[in-house]
Protein backbone atom coordinates (compact mmCIF):
# COMPACT_ATOMS: atom_id res chain seq x y z
CA MET A 1 16.63 10.18 -7.50
CA PRO A 2 14.03 8.36 -9.61
CA PRO A 3 12.04 10.21 -12.28
CA SER A 4 8.86 11.94 -11.11
CA PHE A 5 6.56 9.26 -12.54
CA LEU A 6 8.28 6.62 -10.35
CA ARG A 7 8.08 8.60 -7.09
CA VAL A 8 5.14 7.56 -4.92
CA SER A 9 4.22 8.17 -1.31
CA GLY A 10 4.52 5.12 0.87
CA ALA A 11 6.53 1.95 0.64
CA ALA A 12 3.51 -0.19 -0.24
CA LEU A 13 2.77 1.90 -3.32
CA GLN A 14 6.45 1.83 -4.26
CA MET A 15 6.42 -1.97 -3.96
CA GLN A 16 3.33 -2.11 -6.17
CA LYS A 17 5.12 -0.03 -8.83
CA GLU A 18 8.18 -2.29 -8.63
CA ILE A 19 6.06 -5.44 -9.02
CA LEU A 20 4.22 -3.95 -12.00
CA TRP A 21 7.55 -3.03 -13.58
CA PHE A 22 8.91 -6.55 -12.99
CA THR A 23 5.86 -8.22 -14.52
CA GLU A 24 6.02 -5.94 -17.58
CA VAL A 25 9.70 -6.77 -18.08
CA GLU A 26 8.86 -10.47 -17.69
CA LYS A 27 6.35 -10.16 -20.53
CA ILE A 28 8.97 -8.62 -22.84
CA VAL A 29 11.83 -11.02 -22.08
CA PRO A 30 11.72 -14.40 -23.85
CA PRO A 31 10.47 -17.19 -21.53
CA ILE A 32 13.76 -19.09 -21.70
CA TYR A 33 15.41 -16.32 -19.68
CA HIS A 34 12.89 -16.62 -16.81
CA LYS A 35 14.54 -19.84 -15.60
CA LEU A 36 18.18 -18.89 -16.18
CA ARG A 37 20.33 -18.27 -13.14
CA ASN A 38 22.92 -15.55 -12.57
CA ASN A 39 26.46 -16.05 -11.20
CA ASP A 40 25.04 -16.38 -7.67
CA GLY A 41 22.65 -19.13 -8.80
CA LYS A 42 19.46 -17.02 -8.53
CA THR A 43 16.59 -16.72 -10.97
CA PRO A 44 15.23 -13.24 -11.76
CA LYS A 45 12.25 -13.79 -9.43
CA GLU A 46 14.50 -14.95 -6.57
CA LEU A 47 16.76 -11.95 -7.05
CA PHE A 48 13.77 -9.57 -7.13
CA THR A 49 12.38 -11.09 -3.91
CA GLU A 50 15.74 -10.84 -2.16
CA GLU A 51 16.39 -7.27 -3.29
CA HIS A 52 12.95 -6.09 -2.15
CA LYS A 53 12.79 -7.66 1.34
CA LEU A 54 13.38 -4.32 3.07
CA LEU A 55 10.82 -2.55 0.91
CA LEU A 56 8.32 -5.31 1.72
CA LYS A 57 8.83 -4.80 5.48
CA GLU A 58 8.51 -1.03 5.09
CA GLY A 59 5.36 -1.51 3.01
CA GLU A 60 3.80 -3.70 5.68
CA ARG A 61 4.58 -1.12 8.35
CA TRP A 62 3.23 1.70 6.15
CA MET A 63 -0.01 -0.20 5.52
CA LYS A 64 -0.51 -0.88 9.24
CA ASP A 65 0.13 2.77 10.11
CA SER A 66 -2.25 3.93 7.38
CA ALA A 67 -4.93 1.50 8.53
CA ASN A 68 -4.57 2.73 12.12
CA SER A 69 -4.85 6.35 11.03
CA CYS A 70 -7.96 5.60 8.97
CA MET A 71 -9.51 3.72 11.89
CA ILE A 72 -8.99 6.71 14.18
CA VAL A 73 -10.58 9.08 11.67
CA ALA A 74 -13.51 6.69 11.11
CA THR A 75 -14.07 6.37 14.88
CA LEU A 76 -14.04 10.14 15.37
CA THR A 77 -16.42 10.64 12.45
CA ALA A 78 -18.84 7.99 13.70
CA THR A 79 -18.76 9.52 17.19
CA MET A 80 -19.56 12.99 15.85
CA VAL A 81 -22.44 11.66 13.72
CA PHE A 82 -23.83 9.73 16.69
CA VAL A 83 -23.66 12.81 18.94
CA ALA A 84 -25.17 15.04 16.24
CA GLY A 85 -28.07 12.61 15.85
CA PHE A 86 -28.88 12.76 19.55
CA LEU A 87 -28.53 16.54 19.68
CA CYS A 88 -30.95 16.95 16.78
CA GLN A 89 -33.52 14.74 18.54
CA ILE A 90 -33.15 16.67 21.78
CA MET A 91 -33.57 20.00 19.96
CA VAL A 92 -36.65 18.77 18.09
CA PHE A 93 -38.36 17.47 21.26
CA GLN A 94 -37.43 20.62 23.17
CA TYR A 95 -39.23 22.91 20.73
CA CYS A 96 -42.33 20.72 20.22
């Protein structure tokens, strides 16, 4: 289990943390190592991309689900505000 500062909710946020970590490591490592290949013939960036394909798919799904949930909440909120606006007008005209 990763340390508490690495645990995040949602695959998209986890992917963001992983990318930030990768870019920070890239800054530390001498530039000559960025182009070197491992025994499988992959550069660090290629290996990172390959190793994180599943996390990328999960992140996309998580983002879509989150967007759908937010859209539902926004629709319900807008509906309630719209109804409340009409009810207030009706009440004002009724007592005038």
